[in-house]
Each structure stands twice: as structure tokens, then as C-alpha cells.
Amino acid sequence: QAPIAGAPCPTVARLGAGFARIRRHPRRAALPPATLDRAAGLYRDL
């Protein structure tokens, strides 16, 4: 119920930037590529 105008926080869409960042991370192999692709597409669509 709280007011949203000027709230000091990112949008949900912006939080999804992690899917792009992880592809450049040294430990990206810790996540299965197919799982990462599926989740990234789903997050983007939602």
C-alpha cells in the first residue's frame, strides 16, 4: 500500500540485469547454460 512515486529502488526489470552479467563471470560454469537461458527468457517475458 506504500506510495511508489520517487521510491529509491530499482525496477524489477533492472534487477534482471544479473542474467547478462553472469555470462561474463569467471564462475558462470556453476550454472547450467540451458537453465540460465530458460530463466533469463522467462524473467524477461514476465
ModelCIF file with pLDDT and N, C-alpha, C, O atoms, coordinates in Angstrom:
data_MODEL
#
_entry.id   MODEL 
#
_entity.id                         1 
_entity.type                       polymer 
_entity.pdbx_number_of_molecules   1 
#
_entity_poly.entity_id                      1 
_entity_poly.type                           'polypeptide(L)' 
_entity_poly.nstd_linkage                   no 
_entity_poly.nstd_monomer                   no 
_entity_poly.pdbx_seq_one_letter_code       QAPIAGAPCPTVARLGAGFARIRRHPRRAALPPATLDRAAGLYRDL 
_entity_poly.pdbx_seq_one_letter_code_can   QAPIAGAPCPTVARLGAGFARIRRHPRRAALPPATLDRAAGLYRDL 
_entity_poly.pdbx_strand_id                 A 
#
loop_
_entity_poly_seq.entity_id 
_entity_poly_seq.num 
_entity_poly_seq.mon_id 
_entity_poly_seq.hetero 
1 1  GLN n 
1 2  ALA n 
1 3  PRO n 
1 4  ILE n 
1 5  ALA n 
1 6  GLY n 
1 7  ALA n 
1 8  PRO n 
1 9  CYS n 
1 10 PRO n 
1 11 THR n 
1 12 VAL n 
1 13 ALA n 
1 14 ARG n 
1 15 LEU n 
1 16 GLY n 
1 17 ALA n 
1 18 GLY n 
1 19 PHE n 
1 20 ALA n 
1 21 ARG n 
1 22 ILE n 
1 23 ARG n 
1 24 ARG n 
1 25 HIS n 
1 26 PRO n 
1 27 ARG n 
1 28 ARG n 
1 29 ALA n 
1 30 ALA n 
1 31 LEU n 
1 32 PRO n 
1 33 PRO n 
1 34 ALA n 
1 35 THR n 
1 36 LEU n 
1 37 ASP n 
1 38 ARG n 
1 39 ALA n 
1 40 ALA n 
1 41 GLY n 
1 42 LEU n 
1 43 TYR n 
1 44 ARG n 
1 45 ASP n 
1 46 LEU n 
#
_struct_asym.id          A 
_struct_asym.entity_id   1 
#
loop_
_ma_qa_metric.id 
_ma_qa_metric.mode 
_ma_qa_metric.name 
_ma_qa_metric.software_group_id 
_ma_qa_metric.type 
1 global pLDDT . pLDDT 
2 local  pLDDT . pLDDT 
#
_ma_qa_metric_global.metric_id      1 
_ma_qa_metric_global.metric_value   94.78 
_ma_qa_metric_global.model_id       1 
_ma_qa_metric_global.ordinal_id     1 
#
loop_
_ma_qa_metric_local.label_asym_id 
_ma_qa_metric_local.label_comp_id 
_ma_qa_metric_local.label_seq_id 
_ma_qa_metric_local.metric_id 
_ma_qa_metric_local.metric_value 
_ma_qa_metric_local.model_id 
_ma_qa_metric_local.ordinal_id 
A GLN 1  2 97.00 1 1  
A ALA 2  2 97.00 1 2  
A PRO 3  2 95.00 1 3  
A ILE 4  2 94.00 1 4  
A ALA 5  2 91.00 1 5  
A GLY 6  2 90.00 1 6  
A ALA 7  2 90.00 1 7  
A PRO 8  2 86.00 1 8  
A CYS 9  2 93.00 1 9  
A PRO 10 2 95.00 1 10 
A THR 11 2 97.00 1 11 
A VAL 12 2 97.00 1 12 
A ALA 13 2 97.00 1 13 
A ARG 14 2 97.00 1 14 
A LEU 15 2 97.00 1 15 
A GLY 16 2 97.00 1 16 
A ALA 17 2 96.00 1 17 
A GLY 18 2 96.00 1 18 
A PHE 19 2 97.00 1 19 
A ALA 20 2 96.00 1 20 
A ARG 21 2 96.00 1 21 
A ILE 22 2 95.00 1 22 
A ARG 23 2 93.00 1 23 
A ARG 24 2 93.00 1 24 
A HIS 25 2 91.00 1 25 
A PRO 26 2 90.00 1 26 
A ARG 27 2 89.00 1 27 
A ARG 28 2 88.00 1 28 
A ALA 29 2 88.00 1 29 
A ALA 30 2 90.00 1 30 
A LEU 31 2 94.00 1 31 
A PRO 32 2 94.00 1 32 
A PRO 33 2 95.00 1 33 
A ALA 34 2 96.00 1 34 
A THR 35 2 97.00 1 35 
A LEU 36 2 97.00 1 36 
A ASP 37 2 97.00 1 37 
A ARG 38 2 98.00 1 38 
A ALA 39 2 98.00 1 39 
A ALA 40 2 98.00 1 40 
A GLY 41 2 98.00 1 41 
A LEU 42 2 98.00 1 42 
A TYR 43 2 98.00 1 43 
A ARG 44 2 98.00 1 44 
A ASP 45 2 98.00 1 45 
A LEU 46 2 98.00 1 46 
#
loop_
_atom_site.group_PDB 
_atom_site.id 
_atom_site.type_symbol 
_atom_site.label_atom_id 
_atom_site.label_alt_id 
_atom_site.label_comp_id 
_atom_site.label_asym_id 
_atom_site.label_entity_id 
_atom_site.label_seq_id 
_atom_site.pdbx_PDB_ins_code 
_atom_site.Cartn_x 
_atom_site.Cartn_y 
_atom_site.Cartn_z 
_atom_site.occupancy 
_atom_site.B_iso_or_equiv 
_atom_site.pdbx_formal_charge 
_atom_site.auth_seq_id 
_atom_site.auth_comp_id 
_atom_site.auth_asym_id 
_atom_site.auth_atom_id 
_atom_site.pdbx_PDB_model_num 
ATOM 1   N N  . GLN A 1 1  ? 0.817  -1.211  0.000   1.00 97.00 ? 1  GLN A N  1 
ATOM 2   C CA . GLN A 1 1  ? 0.000  0.000   0.000   1.00 97.00 ? 1  GLN A CA 1 
ATOM 3   C C  . GLN A 1 1  ? 0.850  1.260   0.000   1.00 97.00 ? 1  GLN A C  1 
ATOM 4   O O  . GLN A 1 1  ? 0.312  2.359   -0.138  1.00 97.00 ? 1  GLN A O  1 
ATOM 5   N N  . ALA A 1 2  ? 2.147  1.131   0.149   1.00 97.00 ? 2  ALA A N  1 
ATOM 6   C CA . ALA A 1 2  ? 3.021  2.301   0.255   1.00 97.00 ? 2  ALA A CA 1 
ATOM 7   C C  . ALA A 1 2  ? 3.095  3.062   -1.072  1.00 97.00 ? 2  ALA A C  1 
ATOM 8   O O  . ALA A 1 2  ? 2.957  2.457   -2.135  1.00 97.00 ? 2  ALA A O  1 
ATOM 9   N N  . PRO A 1 3  ? 3.311  4.380   -1.020  1.00 95.00 ? 3  PRO A N  1 
ATOM 10  C CA . PRO A 1 3  ? 3.430  5.168   -2.255  1.00 95.00 ? 3  PRO A CA 1 
ATOM 11  C C  . PRO A 1 3  ? 4.684  4.789   -3.029  1.00 95.00 ? 3  PRO A C  1 
ATOM 12  O O  . PRO A 1 3  ? 5.726  4.509   -2.436  1.00 95.00 ? 3  PRO A O  1 
ATOM 13  N N  . ILE A 1 4  ? 4.580  4.779   -4.363  1.00 94.00 ? 4  ILE A N  1 
ATOM 14  C CA . ILE A 1 4  ? 5.717  4.356   -5.173  1.00 94.00 ? 4  ILE A CA 1 
ATOM 15  C C  . ILE A 1 4  ? 6.449  5.516   -5.830  1.00 94.00 ? 4  ILE A C  1 
ATOM 16  O O  . ILE A 1 4  ? 7.596  5.355   -6.246  1.00 94.00 ? 4  ILE A O  1 
ATOM 17  N N  . ALA A 1 5  ? 5.822  6.674   -5.935  1.00 91.00 ? 5  ALA A N  1 
ATOM 18  C CA . ALA A 1 5  ? 6.453  7.800   -6.632  1.00 91.00 ? 5  ALA A CA 1 
ATOM 19  C C  . ALA A 1 5  ? 7.768  8.188   -5.961  1.00 91.00 ? 5  ALA A C  1 
ATOM 20  O O  . ALA A 1 5  ? 7.800  8.484   -4.767  1.00 91.00 ? 5  ALA A O  1 
ATOM 21  N N  . GLY A 1 6  ? 8.852  8.185   -6.739  1.00 90.00 ? 6  GLY A N  1 
ATOM 22  C CA . GLY A 1 6  ? 10.151 8.587   -6.224  1.00 90.00 ? 6  GLY A CA 1 
ATOM 23  C C  . GLY A 1 6  ? 10.815 7.590   -5.302  1.00 90.00 ? 6  GLY A C  1 
ATOM 24  O O  . GLY A 1 6  ? 11.787 7.933   -4.629  1.00 90.00 ? 6  GLY A O  1 
ATOM 25  N N  . ALA A 1 7  ? 10.321 6.370   -5.252  1.00 90.00 ? 7  ALA A N  1 
ATOM 26  C CA . ALA A 1 7  ? 10.909 5.365   -4.362  1.00 90.00 ? 7  ALA A CA 1 
ATOM 27  C C  . ALA A 1 7  ? 12.365 5.086   -4.753  1.00 90.00 ? 7  ALA A C  1 
ATOM 28  O O  . ALA A 1 7  ? 12.669 4.961   -5.939  1.00 90.00 ? 7  ALA A O  1 
ATOM 29  N N  . PRO A 1 8  ? 13.266 4.988   -3.768  1.00 86.00 ? 8  PRO A N  1 
ATOM 30  C CA . PRO A 1 8  ? 14.697 4.842   -4.051  1.00 86.00 ? 8  PRO A CA 1 
ATOM 31  C C  . PRO A 1 8  ? 15.099 3.394   -4.307  1.00 86.00 ? 8  PRO A C  1 
ATOM 32  O O  . PRO A 1 8  ? 15.894 2.828   -3.556  1.00 86.00 ? 8  PRO A O  1 
ATOM 33  N N  . CYS A 1 9  ? 14.560 2.797   -5.355  1.00 93.00 ? 9  CYS A N  1 
ATOM 34  C CA . CYS A 1 9  ? 14.872 1.397   -5.608  1.00 93.00 ? 9  CYS A CA 1 
ATOM 35  C C  . CYS A 1 9  ? 14.721 1.098   -7.092  1.00 93.00 ? 9  CYS A C  1 
ATOM 36  O O  . CYS A 1 9  ? 14.044 1.836   -7.808  1.00 93.00 ? 9  CYS A O  1 
ATOM 37  N N  . PRO A 1 10 ? 15.343 0.025   -7.556  1.00 95.00 ? 10 PRO A N  1 
ATOM 38  C CA . PRO A 1 10 ? 15.283 -0.313  -8.983  1.00 95.00 ? 10 PRO A CA 1 
ATOM 39  C C  . PRO A 1 10 ? 13.966 -0.952  -9.374  1.00 95.00 ? 10 PRO A C  1 
ATOM 40  O O  . PRO A 1 10 ? 13.205 -1.415  -8.524  1.00 95.00 ? 10 PRO A O  1 
ATOM 41  N N  . THR A 1 11 ? 13.710 -0.969  -10.667 1.00 97.00 ? 11 THR A N  1 
ATOM 42  C CA . THR A 1 11 ? 12.564 -1.705  -11.174 1.00 97.00 ? 11 THR A CA 1 
ATOM 43  C C  . THR A 1 11 ? 12.902 -3.196  -11.201 1.00 97.00 ? 11 THR A C  1 
ATOM 44  O O  . THR A 1 11 ? 14.070 -3.583  -11.181 1.00 97.00 ? 11 THR A O  1 
ATOM 45  N N  . VAL A 1 12 ? 11.869 -4.013  -11.246 1.00 97.00 ? 12 VAL A N  1 
ATOM 46  C CA . VAL A 1 12 ? 12.046 -5.449  -11.377 1.00 97.00 ? 12 VAL A CA 1 
ATOM 47  C C  . VAL A 1 12 ? 12.835 -5.774  -12.650 1.00 97.00 ? 12 VAL A C  1 
ATOM 48  O O  . VAL A 1 12 ? 13.702 -6.648  -12.641 1.00 97.00 ? 12 VAL A O  1 
ATOM 49  N N  . ALA A 1 13 ? 12.531 -5.072  -13.738 1.00 97.00 ? 13 ALA A N  1 
ATOM 50  C CA . ALA A 1 13 ? 13.238 -5.323  -14.990 1.00 97.00 ? 13 ALA A CA 1 
ATOM 51  C C  . ALA A 1 13 ? 14.733 -5.070  -14.842 1.00 97.00 ? 13 ALA A C  1 
ATOM 52  O O  . ALA A 1 13 ? 15.550 -5.833  -15.357 1.00 97.00 ? 13 ALA A O  1 
ATOM 53  N N  . ARG A 1 14 ? 15.088 -4.006  -14.144 1.00 97.00 ? 14 ARG A N  1 
ATOM 54  C CA . ARG A 1 14 ? 16.505 -3.679  -13.950 1.00 97.00 ? 14 ARG A CA 1 
ATOM 55  C C  . ARG A 1 14 ? 17.219 -4.750  -13.126 1.00 97.00 ? 14 ARG A C  1 
ATOM 56  O O  . ARG A 1 14 ? 18.387 -5.045  -13.381 1.00 97.00 ? 14 ARG A O  1 
ATOM 57  N N  . LEU A 1 15 ? 16.547 -5.323  -12.162 1.00 97.00 ? 15 LEU A N  1 
ATOM 58  C CA . LEU A 1 15 ? 17.162 -6.376  -11.350 1.00 97.00 ? 15 LEU A CA 1 
ATOM 59  C C  . LEU A 1 15 ? 17.529 -7.591  -12.190 1.00 97.00 ? 15 LEU A C  1 
ATOM 60  O O  . LEU A 1 15 ? 18.424 -8.355  -11.828 1.00 97.00 ? 15 LEU A O  1 
ATOM 61  N N  . GLY A 1 16 ? 16.838 -7.767  -13.309 1.00 97.00 ? 16 GLY A N  1 
ATOM 62  C CA . GLY A 1 16 ? 17.136 -8.896  -14.179 1.00 97.00 ? 16 GLY A CA 1 
ATOM 63  C C  . GLY A 1 16 ? 18.442 -8.774  -14.925 1.00 97.00 ? 16 GLY A C  1 
ATOM 64  O O  . GLY A 1 16 ? 18.810 -9.692  -15.659 1.00 97.00 ? 16 GLY A O  1 
ATOM 65  N N  . ALA A 1 17 ? 19.167 -7.661  -14.763 1.00 96.00 ? 17 ALA A N  1 
ATOM 66  C CA . ALA A 1 17 ? 20.452 -7.485  -15.439 1.00 96.00 ? 17 ALA A CA 1 
ATOM 67  C C  . ALA A 1 17 ? 21.479 -8.525  -15.018 1.00 96.00 ? 17 ALA A C  1 
ATOM 68  O O  . ALA A 1 17 ? 22.480 -8.732  -15.704 1.00 96.00 ? 17 ALA A O  1 
ATOM 69  N N  . GLY A 1 18 ? 21.229 -9.176  -13.892 1.00 96.00 ? 18 GLY A N  1 
ATOM 70  C CA . GLY A 1 18 ? 22.154 -10.214 -13.432 1.00 96.00 ? 18 GLY A CA 1 
ATOM 71  C C  . GLY A 1 18 ? 22.310 -11.345 -14.430 1.00 96.00 ? 18 GLY A C  1 
ATOM 72  O O  . GLY A 1 18 ? 23.358 -11.989 -14.477 1.00 96.00 ? 18 GLY A O  1 
ATOM 73  N N  . PHE A 1 19 ? 21.289 -11.595 -15.223 1.00 97.00 ? 19 PHE A N  1 
ATOM 74  C CA . PHE A 1 19 ? 21.379 -12.674 -16.208 1.00 97.00 ? 19 PHE A CA 1 
ATOM 75  C C  . PHE A 1 19 ? 22.422 -12.364 -17.278 1.00 97.00 ? 19 PHE A C  1 
ATOM 76  O O  . PHE A 1 19 ? 23.078 -13.273 -17.787 1.00 97.00 ? 19 PHE A O  1 
ATOM 77  N N  . ALA A 1 20 ? 22.576 -11.097 -17.618 1.00 96.00 ? 20 ALA A N  1 
ATOM 78  C CA . ALA A 1 20 ? 23.608 -10.721 -18.590 1.00 96.00 ? 20 ALA A CA 1 
ATOM 79  C C  . ALA A 1 20 ? 24.991 -10.688 -17.942 1.00 96.00 ? 20 ALA A C  1 
ATOM 80  O O  . ALA A 1 20 ? 25.978 -11.096 -18.553 1.00 96.00 ? 20 ALA A O  1 
ATOM 81  N N  . ARG A 1 21 ? 25.056 -10.199 -16.700 1.00 96.00 ? 21 ARG A N  1 
ATOM 82  C CA . ARG A 1 21 ? 26.356 -10.102 -16.021 1.00 96.00 ? 21 ARG A CA 1 
ATOM 83  C C  . ARG A 1 21 ? 26.999 -11.461 -15.812 1.00 96.00 ? 21 ARG A C  1 
ATOM 84  O O  . ARG A 1 21 ? 28.212 -11.603 -15.964 1.00 96.00 ? 21 ARG A O  1 
ATOM 85  N N  . ILE A 1 22 ? 26.198 -12.464 -15.464 1.00 95.00 ? 22 ILE A N  1 
ATOM 86  C CA . ILE A 1 22 ? 26.773 -13.762 -15.118 1.00 95.00 ? 22 ILE A CA 1 
ATOM 87  C C  . ILE A 1 22 ? 27.480 -14.399 -16.309 1.00 95.00 ? 22 ILE A C  1 
ATOM 88  O O  . ILE A 1 22 ? 28.380 -15.218 -16.122 1.00 95.00 ? 22 ILE A O  1 
ATOM 89  N N  . ARG A 1 23 ? 27.095 -14.044 -17.504 1.00 93.00 ? 23 ARG A N  1 
ATOM 90  C CA . ARG A 1 23 ? 27.721 -14.636 -18.690 1.00 93.00 ? 23 ARG A CA 1 
ATOM 91  C C  . ARG A 1 23 ? 29.171 -14.182 -18.853 1.00 93.00 ? 23 ARG A C  1 
ATOM 92  O O  . ARG A 1 23 ? 29.926 -14.779 -19.621 1.00 93.00 ? 23 ARG A O  1 
ATOM 93  N N  . ARG A 1 24 ? 29.561 -13.132 -18.137 1.00 93.00 ? 24 ARG A N  1 
ATOM 94  C CA . ARG A 1 24 ? 30.943 -12.660 -18.164 1.00 93.00 ? 24 ARG A CA 1 
ATOM 95  C C  . ARG A 1 24 ? 31.701 -13.019 -16.888 1.00 93.00 ? 24 ARG A C  1 
ATOM 96  O O  . ARG A 1 24 ? 32.877 -12.687 -16.741 1.00 93.00 ? 24 ARG A O  1 
ATOM 97  N N  . HIS A 1 25 ? 31.018 -13.701 -15.966 1.00 91.00 ? 25 HIS A N  1 
ATOM 98  C CA . HIS A 1 25 ? 31.625 -14.001 -14.665 1.00 91.00 ? 25 HIS A CA 1 
ATOM 99  C C  . HIS A 1 25 ? 32.518 -15.238 -14.768 1.00 91.00 ? 25 HIS A C  1 
ATOM 100 O O  . HIS A 1 25 ? 32.175 -16.186 -15.474 1.00 91.00 ? 25 HIS A O  1 
ATOM 101 N N  . PRO A 1 26 ? 33.665 -15.240 -14.069 1.00 90.00 ? 26 PRO A N  1 
ATOM 102 C CA . PRO A 1 26 ? 34.560 -16.407 -14.111 1.00 90.00 ? 26 PRO A CA 1 
ATOM 103 C C  . PRO A 1 26 ? 33.906 -17.709 -13.657 1.00 90.00 ? 26 PRO A C  1 
ATOM 104 O O  . PRO A 1 26 ? 34.317 -18.790 -14.079 1.00 90.00 ? 26 PRO A O  1 
ATOM 105 N N  . ARG A 1 27 ? 32.886 -17.611 -12.796 1.00 89.00 ? 27 ARG A N  1 
ATOM 106 C CA . ARG A 1 27 ? 32.235 -18.823 -12.271 1.00 89.00 ? 27 ARG A CA 1 
ATOM 107 C C  . ARG A 1 27 ? 30.919 -19.127 -12.980 1.00 89.00 ? 27 ARG A C  1 
ATOM 108 O O  . ARG A 1 27 ? 30.068 -19.817 -12.419 1.00 89.00 ? 27 ARG A O  1 
ATOM 109 N N  . ARG A 1 28 ? 30.737 -18.632 -14.183 1.00 88.00 ? 28 ARG A N  1 
ATOM 110 C CA . ARG A 1 28 ? 29.477 -18.855 -14.895 1.00 88.00 ? 28 ARG A CA 1 
ATOM 111 C C  . ARG A 1 28 ? 29.208 -20.334 -15.138 1.00 88.00 ? 28 ARG A C  1 
ATOM 112 O O  . ARG A 1 28 ? 28.051 -20.731 -15.281 1.00 88.00 ? 28 ARG A O  1 
ATOM 113 N N  . ALA A 1 29 ? 30.261 -21.164 -15.186 1.00 88.00 ? 29 ALA A N  1 
ATOM 114 C CA . ALA A 1 29 ? 30.075 -22.595 -15.430 1.00 88.00 ? 29 ALA A CA 1 
ATOM 115 C C  . ALA A 1 29 ? 29.349 -23.286 -14.273 1.00 88.00 ? 29 ALA A C  1 
ATOM 116 O O  . ALA A 1 29 ? 28.917 -24.430 -14.411 1.00 88.00 ? 29 ALA A O  1 
ATOM 117 N N  . ALA A 1 30 ? 29.212 -22.594 -13.127 1.00 90.00 ? 30 ALA A N  1 
ATOM 118 C CA . ALA A 1 30 ? 28.499 -23.194 -11.996 1.00 90.00 ? 30 ALA A CA 1 
ATOM 119 C C  . ALA A 1 30 ? 27.004 -23.323 -12.272 1.00 90.00 ? 30 ALA A C  1 
ATOM 120 O O  . ALA A 1 30 ? 26.304 -24.056 -11.573 1.00 90.00 ? 30 ALA A O  1 
ATOM 121 N N  . LEU A 1 31 ? 26.515 -22.621 -13.278 1.00 94.00 ? 31 LEU A N  1 
ATOM 122 C CA . LEU A 1 31 ? 25.102 -22.685 -13.632 1.00 94.00 ? 31 LEU A CA 1 
ATOM 123 C C  . LEU A 1 31 ? 24.946 -23.334 -14.999 1.00 94.00 ? 31 LEU A C  1 
ATOM 124 O O  . LEU A 1 31 ? 25.600 -22.910 -15.952 1.00 94.00 ? 31 LEU A O  1 
ATOM 125 N N  . PRO A 1 32 ? 24.101 -24.346 -15.122 1.00 94.00 ? 32 PRO A N  1 
ATOM 126 C CA . PRO A 1 32 ? 23.882 -24.993 -16.421 1.00 94.00 ? 32 PRO A CA 1 
ATOM 127 C C  . PRO A 1 32 ? 23.402 -23.980 -17.460 1.00 94.00 ? 32 PRO A C  1 
ATOM 128 O O  . PRO A 1 32 ? 22.445 -23.251 -17.199 1.00 94.00 ? 32 PRO A O  1 
ATOM 129 N N  . PRO A 1 33 ? 24.035 -23.916 -18.620 1.00 95.00 ? 33 PRO A N  1 
ATOM 130 C CA . PRO A 1 33 ? 23.641 -22.930 -19.642 1.00 95.00 ? 33 PRO A CA 1 
ATOM 131 C C  . PRO A 1 33 ? 22.168 -22.996 -20.025 1.00 95.00 ? 33 PRO A C  1 
ATOM 132 O O  . PRO A 1 33 ? 21.532 -21.958 -20.208 1.00 95.00 ? 33 PRO A O  1 
ATOM 133 N N  . ALA A 1 34 ? 21.620 -24.197 -20.147 1.00 96.00 ? 34 ALA A N  1 
ATOM 134 C CA . ALA A 1 34 ? 20.219 -24.316 -20.532 1.00 96.00 ? 34 ALA A CA 1 
ATOM 135 C C  . ALA A 1 34 ? 19.298 -23.734 -19.457 1.00 96.00 ? 34 ALA A C  1 
ATOM 136 O O  . ALA A 1 34 ? 18.297 -23.092 -19.774 1.00 96.00 ? 34 ALA A O  1 
ATOM 137 N N  . THR A 1 35 ? 19.637 -23.961 -18.191 1.00 97.00 ? 35 THR A N  1 
ATOM 138 C CA . THR A 1 35 ? 18.853 -23.412 -17.086 1.00 97.00 ? 35 THR A CA 1 
ATOM 139 C C  . THR A 1 35 ? 18.936 -21.896 -17.083 1.00 97.00 ? 35 THR A C  1 
ATOM 140 O O  . THR A 1 35 ? 17.934 -21.206 -16.894 1.00 97.00 ? 35 THR A O  1 
ATOM 141 N N  . LEU A 1 36 ? 20.136 -21.388 -17.291 1.00 97.00 ? 36 LEU A N  1 
ATOM 142 C CA . LEU A 1 36 ? 20.341 -19.946 -17.319 1.00 97.00 ? 36 LEU A CA 1 
ATOM 143 C C  . LEU A 1 36 ? 19.540 -19.308 -18.459 1.00 97.00 ? 36 LEU A C  1 
ATOM 144 O O  . LEU A 1 36 ? 18.891 -18.281 -18.263 1.00 97.00 ? 36 LEU A O  1 
ATOM 145 N N  . ASP A 1 37 ? 19.585 -19.908 -19.632 1.00 97.00 ? 37 ASP A N  1 
ATOM 146 C CA . ASP A 1 37 ? 18.851 -19.370 -20.780 1.00 97.00 ? 37 ASP A CA 1 
ATOM 147 C C  . ASP A 1 37 ? 17.344 -19.387 -20.533 1.00 97.00 ? 37 ASP A C  1 
ATOM 148 O O  . ASP A 1 37 ? 16.641 -18.424 -20.838 1.00 97.00 ? 37 ASP A O  1 
ATOM 149 N N  . ARG A 1 38 ? 16.869 -20.481 -19.984 1.00 98.00 ? 38 ARG A N  1 
ATOM 150 C CA . ARG A 1 38 ? 15.426 -20.592 -19.742 1.00 98.00 ? 38 ARG A CA 1 
ATOM 151 C C  . ARG A 1 38 ? 14.965 -19.550 -18.727 1.00 98.00 ? 38 ARG A C  1 
ATOM 152 O O  . ARG A 1 38 ? 13.944 -18.891 -18.926 1.00 98.00 ? 38 ARG A O  1 
ATOM 153 N N  . ALA A 1 39 ? 15.717 -19.405 -17.642 1.00 98.00 ? 39 ALA A N  1 
ATOM 154 C CA . ALA A 1 39 ? 15.338 -18.452 -16.605 1.00 98.00 ? 39 ALA A CA 1 
ATOM 155 C C  . ALA A 1 39 ? 15.429 -17.023 -17.109 1.00 98.00 ? 39 ALA A C  1 
ATOM 156 O O  . ALA A 1 39 ? 14.568 -16.201 -16.793 1.00 98.00 ? 39 ALA A O  1 
ATOM 157 N N  . ALA A 1 40 ? 16.464 -16.710 -17.893 1.00 98.00 ? 40 ALA A N  1 
ATOM 158 C CA . ALA A 1 40 ? 16.630 -15.354 -18.416 1.00 98.00 ? 40 ALA A CA 1 
ATOM 159 C C  . ALA A 1 40 ? 15.472 -14.979 -19.330 1.00 98.00 ? 40 ALA A C  1 
ATOM 160 O O  . ALA A 1 40 ? 14.943 -13.871 -19.245 1.00 98.00 ? 40 ALA A O  1 
ATOM 161 N N  . GLY A 1 41 ? 15.079 -15.899 -20.204 1.00 98.00 ? 41 GLY A N  1 
ATOM 162 C CA . GLY A 1 41 ? 13.961 -15.631 -21.099 1.00 98.00 ? 41 GLY A CA 1 
ATOM 163 C C  . GLY A 1 41 ? 12.652 -15.462 -20.357 1.00 98.00 ? 41 GLY A C  1 
ATOM 164 O O  . GLY A 1 41 ? 11.850 -14.587 -20.685 1.00 98.00 ? 41 GLY A O  1 
ATOM 165 N N  . LEU A 1 42 ? 12.435 -16.307 -19.352 1.00 98.00 ? 42 LEU A N  1 
ATOM 166 C CA . LEU A 1 42 ? 11.214 -16.235 -18.563 1.00 98.00 ? 42 LEU A CA 1 
ATOM 167 C C  . LEU A 1 42 ? 11.144 -14.925 -17.793 1.00 98.00 ? 42 LEU A C  1 
ATOM 168 O O  . LEU A 1 42 ? 10.105 -14.266 -17.761 1.00 98.00 ? 42 LEU A O  1 
ATOM 169 N N  . TYR A 1 43 ? 12.268 -14.552 -17.167 1.00 98.00 ? 43 TYR A N  1 
ATOM 170 C CA . TYR A 1 43 ? 12.312 -13.299 -16.396 1.00 98.00 ? 43 TYR A CA 1 
ATOM 171 C C  . TYR A 1 43 ? 12.014 -12.112 -17.311 1.00 98.00 ? 43 TYR A C  1 
ATOM 172 O O  . TYR A 1 43 ? 11.241 -11.223 -16.954 1.00 98.00 ? 43 TYR A O  1 
ATOM 173 N N  . ARG A 1 44 ? 12.631 -12.105 -18.487 1.00 98.00 ? 44 ARG A N  1 
ATOM 174 C CA . ARG A 1 44 ? 12.430 -11.006 -19.438 1.00 98.00 ? 44 ARG A CA 1 
ATOM 175 C C  . ARG A 1 44 ? 10.963 -10.908 -19.853 1.00 98.00 ? 44 ARG A C  1 
ATOM 176 O O  . ARG A 1 44 ? 10.405 -9.813  -19.906 1.00 98.00 ? 44 ARG A O  1 
ATOM 177 N N  . ASP A 1 45 ? 10.343 -12.041 -20.146 1.00 98.00 ? 45 ASP A N  1 
ATOM 178 C CA . ASP A 1 45 ? 8.953  -12.040 -20.586 1.00 98.00 ? 45 ASP A CA 1 
ATOM 179 C C  . ASP A 1 45 ? 8.011  -11.587 -19.471 1.00 98.00 ? 45 ASP A C  1 
ATOM 180 O O  . ASP A 1 45 ? 7.071  -10.830 -19.717 1.00 98.00 ? 45 ASP A O  1 
ATOM 181 N N  . LEU A 1 46 ? 8.261  -12.046 -18.260 1.00 98.00 ? 46 LEU A N  1 
ATOM 182 C CA . LEU A 1 46 ? 7.422  -11.647 -17.139 1.00 98.00 ? 46 LEU A CA 1 
ATOM 183 C C  . LEU A 1 46 ? 7.562  -10.152 -16.848 1.00 98.00 ? 46 LEU A C  1 
ATOM 184 O O  . LEU A 1 46 ? 6.922  -9.639  -15.930 1.00 98.00 ? 46 LEU A O  1 
#
